[in-house]
C-alpha cells in the first residue's frame, strides 16, 4: 500500500506567501539536506540566530511542513512541495 501524500491548504496565496517567507523556504531546504537536526544546529548551518530560527520552526511545525521527532530533533520528511493556485476569485 502506498501512503497518500499529505495535503496542506492555505486560504489564499497571500497566506501561503506569509507562511513561506524566503528565510523559511531556505530553512526547509537546508533542514531537508541536513536531515534530522536540532534547532541550534540548523541555526548554525543557516548562519542565523537561534531565536529567529526557533520562531520559524514553531510556525512550520504548526503548519505541518516540519515534524518534531521523539528525540526532540526536527526534520522535513518531504522531498517535494507542490502548489496548486487558482487565479479565480473566491466565490
PDB file of N, CA and C in Angstrom:
ATOM      1  N   UNK A   1       0.825  -1.191   0.000  1.00  0.00           N
ATOM      2  CA  UNK A   1       0.000   0.000   0.000  1.00  0.00           C
ATOM      3  C   UNK A   1       0.870   1.257   0.000  1.00  0.00           C
ATOM      4  N   UNK A   2       0.482   2.215  -0.794  1.00  0.00           N
ATOM      5  CA  UNK A   2       1.197   3.481  -0.848  1.00  0.00           C
ATOM      6  C   UNK A   2       0.443   4.507  -0.016  1.00  0.00           C
ATOM      7  N   UNK A   3       1.157   5.219   0.824  1.00  0.00           N
ATOM      8  CA  UNK A   3       0.525   6.243   1.656  1.00  0.00           C
ATOM      9  C   UNK A   3       0.110   7.422   0.793  1.00  0.00           C
ATOM     10  N   UNK A   4      -1.010   8.010   1.152  1.00  0.00           N
ATOM     11  CA  UNK A   4      -1.471   9.214   0.459  1.00  0.00           C
ATOM     12  C   UNK A   4      -0.545  10.376   0.806  1.00  0.00           C
ATOM     13  N   UNK A   5      -0.237  11.229  -0.165  1.00  0.00           N
ATOM     14  CA  UNK A   5       0.592  12.388   0.158  1.00  0.00           C
ATOM     15  C   UNK A   5      -0.155  13.322   1.102  1.00  0.00           C
ATOM     16  N   UNK A   6       0.580  13.993   1.945  1.00  0.00           N
ATOM     17  CA  UNK A   6      -0.022  14.954   2.862  1.00  0.00           C
ATOM     18  C   UNK A   6      -0.518  16.155   2.068  1.00  0.00           C
ATOM     19  N   UNK A   7      -1.608  16.730   2.521  1.00  0.00           N
ATOM     20  CA  UNK A   7      -2.147  17.926   1.877  1.00  0.00           C
ATOM     21  C   UNK A   7      -2.281  19.024   2.922  1.00  0.00           C
ATOM     22  N   UNK A   8      -1.734  20.170   2.609  1.00  0.00           N
ATOM     23  CA  UNK A   8      -1.833  21.335   3.475  1.00  0.00           C
ATOM     24  C   UNK A   8      -2.463  22.435   2.639  1.00  0.00           C
ATOM     25  N   UNK A   9      -3.511  23.032   3.160  1.00  0.00           N
ATOM     26  CA  UNK A   9      -4.232  24.063   2.408  1.00  0.00           C
ATOM     27  C   UNK A   9      -4.056  25.432   3.053  1.00  0.00           C
ATOM     28  N   UNK A  10      -4.025  26.447   2.210  1.00  0.00           N
ATOM     29  CA  UNK A  10      -3.970  27.834   2.657  1.00  0.00           C
ATOM     30  C   UNK A  10      -5.166  28.547   2.054  1.00  0.00           C
ATOM     31  N   UNK A  11      -5.752  29.467   2.796  1.00  0.00           N
ATOM     32  CA  UNK A  11      -6.970  30.125   2.324  1.00  0.00           C
ATOM     33  C   UNK A  11      -6.737  31.067   1.152  1.00  0.00           C
ATOM     34  N   UNK A  12      -5.500  31.518   0.976  1.00  0.00           N
ATOM     35  CA  UNK A  12      -5.192  32.403  -0.148  1.00  0.00           C
ATOM     36  C   UNK A  12      -3.693  32.361  -0.434  1.00  0.00           C
ATOM     37  N   UNK A  13      -3.332  32.877  -1.589  1.00  0.00           N
ATOM     38  CA  UNK A  13      -1.925  32.967  -1.956  1.00  0.00           C
ATOM     39  C   UNK A  13      -1.186  33.873  -0.973  1.00  0.00           C
ATOM     40  N   UNK A  14      -1.840  34.916  -0.520  1.00  0.00           N
ATOM     41  CA  UNK A  14      -1.227  35.836   0.430  1.00  0.00           C
ATOM     42  C   UNK A  14      -0.857  35.119   1.730  1.00  0.00           C
ATOM     43  N   UNK A  15      -1.746  34.255   2.203  1.00  0.00           N
ATOM     44  CA  UNK A  15      -1.482  33.499   3.433  1.00  0.00           C
ATOM     45  C   UNK A  15      -0.326  32.524   3.209  1.00  0.00           C
ATOM     46  N   UNK A  16      -0.299  31.887   2.053  1.00  0.00           N
ATOM     47  CA  UNK A  16       0.800  30.974   1.720  1.00  0.00           C
ATOM     48  C   UNK A  16       2.136  31.711   1.728  1.00  0.00           C
ATOM     49  N   UNK A  17       2.187  32.864   1.071  1.00  0.00           N
ATOM     50  CA  UNK A  17       3.439  33.618   0.985  1.00  0.00           C
ATOM     51  C   UNK A  17       3.870  34.176   2.337  1.00  0.00           C
ATOM     52  N   UNK A  18       2.907  34.487   3.199  1.00  0.00           N
ATOM     53  CA  UNK A  18       3.238  34.937   4.549  1.00  0.00           C
ATOM     54  C   UNK A  18       3.837  33.787   5.355  1.00  0.00           C
ATOM     55  N   UNK A  19       3.327  32.581   5.146  1.00  0.00           N
ATOM     56  CA  UNK A  19       3.816  31.406   5.874  1.00  0.00           C
ATOM     57  C   UNK A  19       5.170  30.943   5.354  1.00  0.00           C
ATOM     58  N   UNK A  20       5.362  30.993   4.045  1.00  0.00           N
ATOM     59  CA  UNK A  20       6.609  30.506   3.436  1.00  0.00           C
ATOM     60  C   UNK A  20       7.469  31.682   2.981  1.00  0.00           C
ATOM     61  N   UNK A  21       7.989  32.399   3.951  1.00  0.00           N
ATOM     62  CA  UNK A  21       8.878  33.520   3.653  1.00  0.00           C
ATOM     63  C   UNK A  21      10.167  32.988   3.020  1.00  0.00           C
ATOM     64  N   UNK A  22      10.939  33.843   2.373  1.00  0.00           N
ATOM     65  CA  UNK A  22      12.208  33.375   1.807  1.00  0.00           C
ATOM     66  C   UNK A  22      13.116  32.701   2.848  1.00  0.00           C
ATOM     67  N   UNK A  23      13.189  33.247   4.069  1.00  0.00           N
ATOM     68  CA  UNK A  23      14.005  32.618   5.115  1.00  0.00           C
ATOM     69  C   UNK A  23      13.482  31.235   5.475  1.00  0.00           C
ATOM     70  N   UNK A  24      12.178  31.089   5.568  1.00  0.00           N
ATOM     71  CA  UNK A  24      11.598  29.787   5.914  1.00  0.00           C
ATOM     72  C   UNK A  24      11.795  28.782   4.784  1.00  0.00           C
ATOM     73  N   UNK A  25      11.705  29.241   3.554  1.00  0.00           N
ATOM     74  CA  UNK A  25      11.937  28.355   2.409  1.00  0.00           C
ATOM     75  C   UNK A  25      13.379  27.852   2.417  1.00  0.00           C
ATOM     76  N   UNK A  26      14.337  28.760   2.641  1.00  0.00           N
ATOM     77  CA  UNK A  26      15.747  28.361   2.738  1.00  0.00           C
ATOM     78  C   UNK A  26      15.950  27.382   3.894  1.00  0.00           C
ATOM     79  N   UNK A  27      15.261  27.645   4.997  1.00  0.00           N
ATOM     80  CA  UNK A  27      15.377  26.783   6.163  1.00  0.00           C
ATOM     81  C   UNK A  27      14.862  25.378   5.863  1.00  0.00           C
ATOM     82  N   UNK A  28      13.726  25.270   5.185  1.00  0.00           N
ATOM     83  CA  UNK A  28      13.189  23.956   4.812  1.00  0.00           C
ATOM     84  C   UNK A  28      14.183  23.195   3.938  1.00  0.00           C
ATOM     85  N   UNK A  29      14.735  23.866   2.968  1.00  0.00           N
ATOM     86  CA  UNK A  29      15.685  23.212   2.056  1.00  0.00           C
ATOM     87  C   UNK A  29      16.953  22.775   2.789  1.00  0.00           C
ATOM     88  N   UNK A  30      17.462  23.625   3.670  1.00  0.00           N
ATOM     89  CA  UNK A  30      18.674  23.288   4.422  1.00  0.00           C
ATOM     90  C   UNK A  30      18.406  22.128   5.374  1.00  0.00           C
ATOM     91  N   UNK A  31      17.267  22.160   6.068  1.00  0.00           N
ATOM     92  CA  UNK A  31      16.935  21.083   7.000  1.00  0.00           C
ATOM     93  C   UNK A  31      16.741  19.772   6.255  1.00  0.00           C
ATOM     94  N   UNK A  32      16.138  19.825   5.096  1.00  0.00           N
ATOM     95  CA  UNK A  32      15.976  18.608   4.285  1.00  0.00           C
ATOM     96  C   UNK A  32      17.352  18.037   3.927  1.00  0.00           C
ATOM     97  N   UNK A  33      18.290  18.899   3.562  1.00  0.00           N
ATOM     98  CA  UNK A  33      19.635  18.450   3.195  1.00  0.00           C
ATOM     99  C   UNK A  33      20.407  17.914   4.403  1.00  0.00           C
ATOM    100  N   UNK A  34      20.230  18.549   5.561  1.00  0.00           N
ATOM    101  CA  UNK A  34      20.944  18.136   6.769  1.00  0.00           C
ATOM    102  C   UNK A  34      20.405  16.831   7.346  1.00  0.00           C
ATOM    103  N   UNK A  35      19.119  16.615   7.201  1.00  0.00           N
ATOM    104  CA  UNK A  35      18.480  15.502   7.897  1.00  0.00           C
ATOM    105  C   UNK A  35      18.090  15.954   9.297  1.00  0.00           C
ATOM    106  N   UNK A  36      17.610  15.031  10.103  1.00  0.00           N
ATOM    107  CA  UNK A  36      17.143  15.365  11.452  1.00  0.00           C
ATOM    108  C   UNK A  36      18.225  16.132  12.206  1.00  0.00           C
ATOM    109  N   UNK A  37      17.841  17.282  12.750  1.00  0.00           N
ATOM    110  CA  UNK A  37      18.801  18.173  13.411  1.00  0.00           C
ATOM    111  C   UNK A  37      18.153  18.858  14.595  1.00  0.00           C
ATOM    112  N   UNK A  38      18.995  19.422  15.433  1.00  0.00           N
ATOM    113  CA  UNK A  38      18.496  20.294  16.495  1.00  0.00           C
ATOM    114  C   UNK A  38      18.270  21.680  15.891  1.00  0.00           C
ATOM    115  N   UNK A  39      17.486  22.477  16.563  1.00  0.00           N
ATOM    116  CA  UNK A  39      17.262  23.847  16.093  1.00  0.00           C
ATOM    117  C   UNK A  39      18.579  24.618  16.129  1.00  0.00           C
ATOM    118  N   UNK A  40      19.373  24.389  17.157  1.00  0.00           N
ATOM    119  CA  UNK A  40      20.663  25.082  17.268  1.00  0.00           C
ATOM    120  C   UNK A  40      21.580  24.742  16.091  1.00  0.00           C
ATOM    121  N   UNK A  41      21.650  23.463  15.734  1.00  0.00           N
ATOM    122  CA  UNK A  41      22.494  23.050  14.596  1.00  0.00           C
ATOM    123  C   UNK A  41      21.976  23.657  13.298  1.00  0.00           C
ATOM    124  N   UNK A  42      20.667  23.725  13.153  1.00  0.00           N
ATOM    125  CA  UNK A  42      20.079  24.329  11.959  1.00  0.00           C
ATOM    126  C   UNK A  42      20.407  25.816  11.901  1.00  0.00           C
ATOM    127  N   UNK A  43      20.280  26.507  13.028  1.00  0.00           N
ATOM    128  CA  UNK A  43      20.601  27.938  13.076  1.00  0.00           C
ATOM    129  C   UNK A  43      22.057  28.170  12.680  1.00  0.00           C
ATOM    130  N   UNK A  44      22.958  27.341  13.189  1.00  0.00           N
ATOM    131  CA  UNK A  44      24.375  27.474  12.835  1.00  0.00           C
ATOM    132  C   UNK A  44      24.588  27.222  11.347  1.00  0.00           C
ATOM    133  N   UNK A  45      23.927  26.207  10.800  1.00  0.00           N
ATOM    134  CA  UNK A  45      24.075  25.889   9.373  1.00  0.00           C
ATOM    135  C   UNK A  45      23.569  27.029   8.494  1.00  0.00           C
ATOM    136  N   UNK A  46      22.559  27.739   8.975  1.00  0.00           N
ATOM    137  CA  UNK A  46      21.979  28.848   8.216  1.00  0.00           C
ATOM    138  C   UNK A  46      22.695  30.173   8.471  1.00  0.00           C
ATOM    139  N   UNK A  47      23.508  30.234   9.522  1.00  0.00           N
ATOM    140  CA  UNK A  47      24.144  31.498   9.884  1.00  0.00           C
ATOM    141  C   UNK A  47      23.144  32.489  10.443  1.00  0.00           C
ATOM    142  N   UNK A  48      22.105  31.961  11.108  1.00  0.00           N
ATOM    143  CA  UNK A  48      21.059  32.813  11.693  1.00  0.00           C
ATOM    144  C   UNK A  48      21.059  32.644  13.205  1.00  0.00           C
ATOM    145  N   UNK A  49      20.420  33.590  13.903  1.00  0.00           N
ATOM    146  CA  UNK A  49      20.346  33.482  15.352  1.00  0.00           C
ATOM    147  C   UNK A  49      19.304  32.431  15.755  1.00  0.00           C
ATOM    148  N   UNK A  50      19.539  31.819  16.906  1.00  0.00           N
ATOM    149  CA  UNK A  50      18.689  30.737  17.398  1.00  0.00           C
ATOM    150  C   UNK A  50      17.234  31.173  17.530  1.00  0.00           C
ATOM    151  N   UNK A  51      17.005  32.358  18.102  1.00  0.00           N
ATOM    152  CA  UNK A  51      15.628  32.824  18.343  1.00  0.00           C
ATOM    153  C   UNK A  51      14.800  32.900  17.066  1.00  0.00           C
ATOM    154  N   UNK A  52      15.389  33.470  16.032  1.00  0.00           N
ATOM    155  CA  UNK A  52      14.675  33.605  14.765  1.00  0.00           C
ATOM    156  C   UNK A  52      14.369  32.260  14.140  1.00  0.00           C
ATOM    157  N   UNK A  53      15.345  31.357  14.179  1.00  0.00           N
ATOM    158  CA  UNK A  53      15.136  30.018  13.619  1.00  0.00           C
ATOM    159  C   UNK A  53      14.095  29.278  14.444  1.00  0.00           C
ATOM    160  N   UNK A  54      14.172  29.389  15.766  1.00  0.00           N
ATOM    161  CA  UNK A  54      13.194  28.728  16.636  1.00  0.00           C
ATOM    162  C   UNK A  54      11.784  29.207  16.305  1.00  0.00           C
ATOM    163  N   UNK A  55      11.614  30.505  16.149  1.00  0.00           N
ATOM    164  CA  UNK A  55      10.308  31.076  15.813  1.00  0.00           C
ATOM    165  C   UNK A  55       9.792  30.526  14.485  1.00  0.00           C
ATOM    166  N   UNK A  56      10.667  30.462  13.487  1.00  0.00           N
ATOM    167  CA  UNK A  56      10.272  29.926  12.182  1.00  0.00           C
ATOM    168  C   UNK A  56       9.956  28.434  12.268  1.00  0.00           C
ATOM    169  N   UNK A  57      10.726  27.691  13.054  1.00  0.00           N
ATOM    170  CA  UNK A  57      10.462  26.255  13.219  1.00  0.00           C
ATOM    171  C   UNK A  57       9.095  26.042  13.848  1.00  0.00           C
ATOM    172  N   UNK A  58       8.780  26.793  14.895  1.00  0.00           N
ATOM    173  CA  UNK A  58       7.476  26.659  15.554  1.00  0.00           C
ATOM    174  C   UNK A  58       6.355  26.894  14.544  1.00  0.00           C
ATOM    175  N   UNK A  59       6.480  27.932  13.731  1.00  0.00           N
ATOM    176  CA  UNK A  59       5.454  28.235  12.728  1.00  0.00           C
ATOM    177  C   UNK A  59       5.322  27.102  11.717  1.00  0.00           C
ATOM    178  N   UNK A  60       6.435  26.551  11.255  1.00  0.00           N
ATOM    179  CA  UNK A  60       6.385  25.500  10.236  1.00  0.00           C
ATOM    180  C   UNK A  60       5.961  24.150  10.812  1.00  0.00           C
ATOM    181  N   UNK A  61       6.205  23.921  12.095  1.00  0.00           N
ATOM    182  CA  UNK A  61       5.672  22.717  12.755  1.00  0.00           C
ATOM    183  C   UNK A  61       4.150  22.828  12.828  1.00  0.00           C
ATOM    184  N   UNK A  62       3.644  24.009  13.196  1.00  0.00           N
ATOM    185  CA  UNK A  62       2.192  24.225  13.277  1.00  0.00           C
ATOM    186  C   UNK A  62       1.527  24.018  11.925  1.00  0.00           C
ATOM    187  N   UNK A  63       2.168  24.449  10.863  1.00  0.00           N
ATOM    188  CA  UNK A  63       1.630  24.284   9.512  1.00  0.00           C
ATOM    189  C   UNK A  63       1.686  22.820   9.084  1.00  0.00           C
ATOM    190  N   UNK A  64       2.718  22.116   9.529  1.00  0.00           N
ATOM    191  CA  UNK A  64       2.883  20.718   9.153  1.00  0.00           C
ATOM    192  C   UNK A  64       4.003  20.469   8.160  1.00  0.00           C
ATOM    193  N   UNK A  65       4.826  21.484   7.902  1.00  0.00           N
ATOM    194  CA  UNK A  65       5.930  21.321   6.954  1.00  0.00           C
ATOM    195  C   UNK A  65       7.202  20.804   7.612  1.00  0.00           C
ATOM    196  N   UNK A  66       7.296  20.947   8.928  1.00  0.00           N
ATOM    197  CA  UNK A  66       8.402  20.381   9.705  1.00  0.00           C
ATOM    198  C   UNK A  66       7.786  19.463  10.746  1.00  0.00           C
ATOM    199  N   UNK A  67       8.444  18.338  10.982  1.00  0.00           N
ATOM    200  CA  UNK A  67       7.994  17.413  12.022  1.00  0.00           C
ATOM    201  C   UNK A  67       9.023  17.372  13.135  1.00  0.00           C
ATOM    202  N   UNK A  68       8.520  17.271  14.361  1.00  0.00           N
ATOM    203  CA  UNK A  68       9.387  17.124  15.526  1.00  0.00           C
ATOM    204  C   UNK A  68       9.415  15.648  15.895  1.00  0.00           C
ATOM    205  N   UNK A  69      10.598  15.085  15.989  1.00  0.00           N
ATOM    206  CA  UNK A  69      10.769  13.670  16.313  1.00  0.00           C
ATOM    207  C   UNK A  69      10.746  13.461  17.828  1.00  0.00           C
ATOM    208  N   UNK A  70      10.553  12.221  18.252  1.00  0.00           N
ATOM    209  CA  UNK A  70      10.557  11.906  19.682  1.00  0.00           C
ATOM    210  C   UNK A  70      11.873  12.297  20.336  1.00  0.00           C
ATOM    211  N   UNK A  71      12.946  12.276  19.579  1.00  0.00           N
ATOM    212  CA  UNK A  71      14.272  12.643  20.094  1.00  0.00           C
ATOM    213  C   UNK A  71      14.388  14.139  20.369  1.00  0.00           C
ATOM    214  N   UNK A  72      13.399  14.916  19.891  1.00  0.00           N
ATOM    215  CA  UNK A  72      13.449  16.366  20.029  1.00  0.00           C
ATOM    216  C   UNK A  72      14.009  17.048  18.796  1.00  0.00           C
ATOM    217  N   UNK A  73      14.625  16.279  17.909  1.00  0.00           N
ATOM    218  CA  UNK A  73      15.146  16.858  16.672  1.00  0.00           C
ATOM    219  C   UNK A  73      13.993  17.161  15.724  1.00  0.00           C
ATOM    220  N   UNK A  74      14.284  17.977  14.739  1.00  0.00           N
ATOM    221  CA  UNK A  74      13.288  18.350  13.740  1.00  0.00           C
ATOM    222  C   UNK A  74      13.723  17.820  12.387  1.00  0.00           C
ATOM    223  N   UNK A  75      12.753  17.611  11.516  1.00  0.00           N
ATOM    224  CA  UNK A  75      13.055  17.073  10.196  1.00  0.00           C
ATOM    225  C   UNK A  75      12.022  17.549   9.186  1.00  0.00           C
ATOM    226  N   UNK A  76      12.407  17.530   7.934  1.00  0.00           N
ATOM    227  CA  UNK A  76      11.491  17.779   6.819  1.00  0.00           C
ATOM    228  C   UNK A  76      11.346  16.436   6.104  1.00  0.00           C
ATOM    229  N   UNK A  77      10.218  15.758   6.307  1.00  0.00           N
ATOM    230  CA  UNK A  77      10.054  14.431   5.724  1.00  0.00           C
ATOM    231  C   UNK A  77       9.697  14.450   4.241  1.00  0.00           C
ATOM    232  N   UNK A  78       9.445  15.612   3.703  1.00  0.00           N
ATOM    233  CA  UNK A  78       9.001  15.727   2.312  1.00  0.00           C
ATOM    234  C   UNK A  78      10.189  15.993   1.408  1.00  0.00           C
ATOM    235  N   UNK A  79      10.186  15.409   0.233  1.00  0.00           N
ATOM    236  CA  UNK A  79      11.230  15.715  -0.743  1.00  0.00           C
ATOM    237  C   UNK A  79      10.723  16.708  -1.784  1.00  0.00           C
ATOM    238  N   UNK A  80       9.424  16.944  -1.772  1.00  0.00           N
ATOM    239  CA  UNK A  80       8.829  17.827  -2.773  1.00  0.00           C
ATOM    240  C   UNK A  80       7.612  18.526  -2.166  1.00  0.00           C
ATOM    241  N   UNK A  81       7.457  19.791  -2.532  1.00  0.00           N
ATOM    242  CA  UNK A  81       6.252  20.550  -2.182  1.00  0.00           C
ATOM    243  C   UNK A  81       5.654  21.009  -3.497  1.00  0.00           C
ATOM    244  N   UNK A  82       4.407  20.660  -3.714  1.00  0.00           N
ATOM    245  CA  UNK A  82       3.714  21.026  -4.939  1.00  0.00           C
ATOM    246  C   UNK A  82       2.581  21.974  -4.581  1.00  0.00           C
ATOM    247  N   UNK A  83       2.480  23.074  -5.300  1.00  0.00           N
ATOM    248  CA  UNK A  83       1.427  24.056  -5.037  1.00  0.00           C
ATOM    249  C   UNK A  83       0.469  24.122  -6.219  1.00  0.00           C
ATOM    250  N   UNK A  84      -0.784  24.233  -5.901  1.00  0.00           N
ATOM    251  CA  UNK A  84      -1.818  24.434  -6.909  1.00  0.00           C
ATOM    252  C   UNK A  84      -2.551  25.711  -6.534  1.00  0.00           C
ATOM    253  N   UNK A  85      -2.510  26.694  -7.426  1.00  0.00           N
ATOM    254  CA  UNK A  85      -3.063  28.005  -7.134  1.00  0.00           C
ATOM    255  C   UNK A  85      -4.093  28.369  -8.191  1.00  0.00           C
ATOM    256  N   UNK A  86      -5.264  28.766  -7.742  1.00  0.00           N
ATOM    257  CA  UNK A  86      -6.317  29.194  -8.658  1.00  0.00           C
ATOM    258  C   UNK A  86      -6.216  30.698  -8.884  1.00  0.00           C
ATOM    259  N   UNK A  87      -6.430  31.113 -10.107  1.00  0.00           N
ATOM    260  CA  UNK A  87      -6.446  32.539 -10.421  1.00  0.00           C
ATOM    261  C   UNK A  87      -7.840  33.135 -10.280  1.00  0.00           C
ATOM    262  N   UNK A  88      -8.832  32.279 -10.094  1.00  0.00           N
ATOM    263  CA  UNK A  88     -10.205  32.745  -9.928  1.00  0.00           C
ATOM    264  C   UNK A  88     -10.403  33.321  -8.538  1.00  0.00           C
ATOM    265  N   UNK A  89     -11.244  34.339  -8.459  1.00  0.00           N
ATOM    266  CA  UNK A  89     -11.606  34.909  -7.165  1.00  0.00           C
ATOM    267  C   UNK A  89     -12.476  33.911  -6.424  1.00  0.00           C
ATOM    268  N   UNK A  90     -12.372  33.913  -5.100  1.00  0.00           N
ATOM    269  CA  UNK A  90     -13.221  33.027  -4.291  1.00  0.00           C
ATOM    270  C   UNK A  90     -14.673  33.459  -4.447  1.00  0.00           C
ATOM    271  N   UNK A  91     -15.547  32.476  -4.487  1.00  0.00           N
ATOM    272  CA  UNK A  91     -16.980  32.771  -4.679  1.00  0.00           C
ATOM    273  C   UNK A  91     -17.598  33.327  -3.430  1.00  0.00           C
TER     274      UNK A  91
END
